[in-house]
Amino acid sequence: MNHTLVIRILRACAAFAAVSPLLFAANACASPITMEVYAIDTNRGGYVWFGEDGVDTQGYAGVIKIRLDGIPEDGLCVDLFHNITYETVSVNAGSPDVIANGRRVAWLYANEIRVINTAVLGEALQLAIWDIVHDNGDGLNAGRVRKGSAAHPTPPAVITAVNNFLSVSLKKESLEPRIYTSVNGPTDKQQLISDSVPEPLTYVLLGSGLVAIAMWKRQGTPL
């Protein structure tokens, strides 16, 4: 490789290292994302009985189909006590730290969402996330999120899967998935967790790299 080119590359890397904190800070203040909640996935979720603040409730638990700036994604509800409705709203993308036990929830979502292939597993993953957020993952035994009563029991297979999710996520953390919080919907605190969407800075860096490669090749410099 040409030594002059090596020096130029090193200088460019040093310059980027110096300004990258500013770039990432600016990127963190990007405009809200448009989120469309358009369907539930009944192959990976369903209506199940559980206890909500001591009251038996039958509600949907499982994968929610959303679009983030037009990009299809899977999502799960984070806060049981703020309903998710079919609508298009502006949302802010935040780190998992904006919710209680968020890093554990993020790890569980990131590692399990791609292998959820049944309604039972989808229901269990959703219930496990609610249990972690609201009750520190006590196994649906106490607190705000519990198993259904004897009159309206939560299916045993779901409870078993919930406990498996709680077990594998214990003391695990991730910062990768984002928490999307509504900023203009009728329920202004509704939140979902989903995979990160490439933001403007990602495209800028990718474009810069492609330009550099193109210039390199045009100069005919051997690797």
Protein backbone atom coordinates (compact mmCIF):
# COMPACT_ATOMS: atom_id res chain seq x y z
CA MET A 1 0.00 0.00 0.00
CA ASN A 2 1.27 3.52 -0.80
CA HIS A 3 2.80 5.08 2.35
CA THR A 4 1.38 8.52 1.56
CA LEU A 5 -2.11 7.01 1.38
CA VAL A 6 -1.58 5.24 4.72
CA ILE A 7 -0.69 8.56 6.34
CA ARG A 8 -3.78 10.20 4.86
CA ILE A 9 -6.00 7.41 6.14
CA LEU A 10 -4.52 7.66 9.62
CA ARG A 11 -5.02 11.42 9.67
CA ALA A 12 -8.61 11.01 8.54
CA CYS A 13 -9.25 8.43 11.28
CA ALA A 14 -7.75 10.74 13.89
CA ALA A 15 -9.89 13.62 12.68
CA PHE A 16 -13.04 11.51 12.81
CA ALA A 17 -12.17 10.28 16.31
CA ALA A 18 -11.94 13.89 17.43
CA VAL A 19 -15.34 14.92 16.09
CA SER A 20 -17.29 11.67 16.44
CA PRO A 21 -18.60 12.45 19.96
CA LEU A 22 -20.15 15.63 18.58
CA LEU A 23 -21.63 13.77 15.62
CA PHE A 24 -23.17 11.11 17.79
CA ALA A 25 -24.51 13.72 20.22
CA ALA A 26 -26.15 15.57 17.36
CA ASN A 27 -27.57 12.31 16.03
CA ALA A 28 -29.11 11.54 19.42
CA CYS A 29 -31.15 14.73 19.07
CA ALA A 30 -32.57 13.69 15.69
CA SER A 31 -36.20 14.35 14.80
CA PRO A 32 -38.88 11.96 16.10
CA ILE A 33 -39.50 8.76 14.14
CA THR A 34 -42.89 7.95 12.62
CA MET A 35 -44.22 4.69 14.05
CA GLU A 36 -47.24 2.93 12.57
CA VAL A 37 -48.82 0.18 14.66
CA TYR A 38 -50.80 -1.80 12.12
CA ALA A 39 -51.34 -5.41 13.24
CA ILE A 40 -50.86 -8.09 15.84
CA ASP A 41 -49.16 -11.36 14.97
CA THR A 42 -51.49 -14.14 16.11
CA ASN A 43 -48.91 -16.73 15.06
CA ARG A 44 -46.61 -15.32 17.72
CA GLY A 45 -49.06 -14.11 20.33
CA GLY A 46 -52.63 -14.39 21.50
CA TYR A 47 -55.27 -13.44 24.03
CA VAL A 48 -54.40 -14.81 27.43
CA TRP A 49 -55.66 -14.41 31.00
CA PHE A 50 -53.37 -12.79 33.56
CA GLY A 51 -53.68 -10.64 36.67
CA GLU A 52 -53.37 -6.86 36.26
CA ASP A 53 -53.26 -4.99 39.58
CA GLY A 54 -55.18 -7.83 41.20
CA VAL A 55 -57.88 -8.04 38.52
CA ASP A 56 -58.19 -10.91 36.06
CA THR A 57 -57.69 -9.52 32.56
CA GLN A 58 -57.81 -11.16 29.15
CA GLY A 59 -55.60 -9.24 26.79
CA TYR A 60 -53.32 -9.65 23.81
CA ALA A 61 -49.77 -10.61 24.66
CA GLY A 62 -47.27 -11.13 21.88
CA VAL A 63 -45.60 -9.68 18.82
CA ILE A 64 -46.94 -6.41 17.42
CA LYS A 65 -46.34 -5.45 13.80
CA ILE A 66 -45.04 -1.92 13.36
CA ARG A 67 -43.34 0.29 10.79
CA LEU A 68 -40.61 2.70 11.85
CA ASP A 69 -40.23 5.39 9.20
CA GLY A 70 -41.78 2.88 6.79
CA ILE A 71 -39.47 0.01 7.75
CA PRO A 72 -41.37 -3.12 8.94
CA GLU A 73 -40.31 -4.31 12.39
CA ASP A 74 -41.50 -6.55 15.19
CA GLY A 75 -42.26 -4.92 18.51
CA LEU A 76 -43.40 -5.78 22.00
CA CYS A 77 -45.25 -3.61 24.50
CA VAL A 78 -43.08 -2.38 27.36
CA ASP A 79 -45.56 -0.80 29.76
CA LEU A 80 -48.61 -2.94 30.49
CA PHE A 81 -50.50 0.03 31.92
CA HIS A 82 -50.44 2.18 28.78
CA ASN A 83 -52.39 0.61 25.93
CA ILE A 84 -51.05 0.19 22.41
CA THR A 85 -53.57 1.13 19.72
CA TYR A 86 -53.62 0.89 15.94
CA GLU A 87 -52.42 4.32 14.90
CA THR A 88 -49.55 6.29 13.43
CA VAL A 89 -47.68 8.47 15.90
CA SER A 90 -44.37 10.26 16.32
CA VAL A 91 -42.02 8.49 18.71
CA ASN A 92 -38.67 9.18 20.28
CA ALA A 93 -36.08 6.40 20.22
CA GLY A 94 -34.39 6.02 23.58
CA SER A 95 -31.97 3.69 25.29
CA PRO A 96 -33.32 0.81 27.39
CA ASP A 97 -32.38 2.85 30.46
CA VAL A 98 -35.57 4.90 30.10
CA ILE A 99 -37.55 2.01 31.66
CA ALA A 100 -37.11 -0.03 34.82
CA ASN A 101 -34.81 -3.02 34.27
CA GLY A 102 -34.55 -1.90 30.68
CA ARG A 103 -31.19 -3.48 29.91
CA ARG A 104 -32.43 -6.90 30.99
CA VAL A 105 -35.57 -6.44 28.87
CA ALA A 106 -33.41 -5.37 25.92
CA TRP A 107 -31.21 -8.45 26.25
CA LEU A 108 -34.24 -10.73 26.42
CA TYR A 109 -35.85 -9.11 23.39
CA ALA A 110 -32.64 -9.12 21.33
CA ASN A 111 -31.89 -12.76 22.04
CA GLU A 112 -35.37 -14.27 21.86
CA ILE A 113 -37.52 -12.32 19.38
CA ARG A 114 -36.05 -14.09 16.33
CA VAL A 115 -36.80 -17.57 17.69
CA ILE A 116 -40.38 -16.87 18.77
CA ASN A 117 -42.36 -19.11 16.43
CA THR A 118 -45.50 -20.03 18.38
CA ALA A 119 -48.33 -18.16 20.05
CA VAL A 120 -47.37 -19.63 23.44
CA LEU A 121 -43.79 -18.35 23.21
CA GLY A 122 -44.95 -14.92 22.06
CA GLU A 123 -47.43 -14.66 24.93
CA ALA A 124 -44.76 -15.78 27.40
CA LEU A 125 -42.12 -13.36 26.13
CA GLN A 126 -44.54 -10.46 26.47
CA LEU A 127 -45.62 -11.48 29.98
CA ALA A 128 -41.98 -11.95 31.01
CA ILE A 129 -41.14 -8.41 29.84
CA TRP A 130 -44.07 -6.93 31.76
CA ASP A 131 -43.05 -8.94 34.83
CA ILE A 132 -39.45 -7.69 34.62
CA VAL A 133 -40.47 -4.04 34.11
CA HIS A 134 -43.15 -3.88 36.80
CA ASP A 135 -42.17 -6.57 39.35
CA ASN A 136 -38.46 -7.25 38.81
CA GLY A 137 -39.25 -10.64 37.26
CA ASP A 138 -40.80 -12.45 40.21
CA GLY A 139 -42.42 -15.14 38.07
CA LEU A 140 -45.93 -13.62 37.98
CA ASN A 141 -46.30 -14.48 41.66
CA ALA A 142 -46.95 -11.07 43.21
CA GLY A 143 -47.01 -7.39 42.43
CA ARG A 144 -48.82 -5.69 39.57
CA VAL A 145 -48.51 -8.50 36.97
CA ARG A 146 -49.56 -11.96 38.09
CA LYS A 147 -50.89 -15.28 36.90
CA GLY A 148 -54.62 -15.46 36.30
CA SER A 149 -56.80 -16.71 39.16
CA ALA A 150 -58.27 -20.20 39.40
CA ALA A 151 -61.37 -18.88 37.65
CA HIS A 152 -59.31 -17.54 34.72
CA PRO A 153 -55.96 -19.35 34.81
CA THR A 154 -52.97 -18.49 32.71
CA PRO A 155 -52.13 -21.61 30.65
CA PRO A 156 -49.44 -23.74 32.34
CA ALA A 157 -47.38 -23.87 29.13
CA VAL A 158 -47.24 -20.09 29.08
CA ILE A 159 -46.19 -19.89 32.73
CA THR A 160 -43.42 -22.44 32.13
CA ALA A 161 -42.12 -20.44 29.18
CA VAL A 162 -42.30 -17.19 31.19
CA ASN A 163 -40.13 -18.73 33.90
CA ASN A 164 -37.65 -19.96 31.29
CA PHE A 165 -37.35 -16.43 29.85
CA LEU A 166 -36.88 -14.98 33.32
CA SER A 167 -34.20 -17.56 34.12
CA VAL A 168 -32.12 -17.07 30.96
CA SER A 169 -32.25 -13.26 31.24
CA LEU A 170 -31.18 -13.05 34.87
CA LYS A 171 -28.15 -10.75 35.22
CA LYS A 172 -28.02 -10.22 31.45
CA GLU A 173 -27.90 -6.78 29.83
CA SER A 174 -28.01 -5.17 26.40
CA LEU A 175 -28.21 -1.64 25.03
CA GLU A 176 -29.03 -2.62 21.45
CA PRO A 177 -32.83 -2.61 21.02
CA ARG A 178 -34.46 0.80 21.38
CA ILE A 179 -37.44 1.92 23.41
CA TYR A 180 -39.90 3.88 21.28
CA THR A 181 -42.06 6.29 23.28
CA SER A 182 -45.04 8.09 21.74
CA VAL A 183 -44.81 11.88 21.80
CA ASN A 184 -48.14 12.82 20.22
CA GLY A 185 -50.55 9.89 20.55
CA PRO A 186 -53.73 9.85 22.64
CA THR A 187 -51.75 7.89 25.22
CA ASP A 188 -48.60 9.93 25.38
CA LYS A 189 -46.53 7.36 27.27
CA GLN A 190 -47.20 4.22 25.26
CA GLN A 191 -43.92 2.42 24.66
CA LEU A 192 -42.65 -0.43 22.53
CA ILE A 193 -39.30 -2.14 22.25
CA SER A 194 -37.94 -2.98 18.81
CA ASP A 195 -34.69 -3.32 16.91
CA SER A 196 -32.75 -0.18 16.13
CA VAL A 197 -33.46 1.59 12.84
CA PRO A 198 -30.45 3.02 10.96
CA GLU A 199 -30.32 6.74 11.69
CA PRO A 200 -28.96 9.54 9.46
CA LEU A 201 -25.42 9.31 10.84
CA THR A 202 -25.27 5.63 9.87
CA TYR A 203 -25.94 6.52 6.26
CA VAL A 204 -23.42 9.39 6.36
CA LEU A 205 -20.65 7.11 7.60
CA LEU A 206 -21.55 4.38 5.12
CA GLY A 207 -21.56 6.89 2.27
CA SER A 208 -18.21 8.32 3.34
CA GLY A 209 -16.67 4.87 3.37
CA LEU A 210 -17.98 4.08 -0.10
CA VAL A 211 -16.62 7.37 -1.45
CA ALA A 212 -13.21 6.66 0.06
CA ILE A 213 -13.13 3.19 -1.49
CA ALA A 214 -14.14 4.58 -4.88
CA MET A 215 -11.38 7.22 -4.76
CA TRP A 216 -8.87 4.61 -3.67
CA LYS A 217 -9.75 2.33 -6.58
CA ARG A 218 -9.71 5.23 -9.07
CA GLN A 219 -6.13 6.02 -8.04
CA GLY A 220 -5.18 2.41 -8.80
CA THR A 221 -3.46 1.96 -5.45
CA PRO A 222 -2.69 -1.72 -4.71
CA LEU A 223 -3.79 -3.23 -1.42
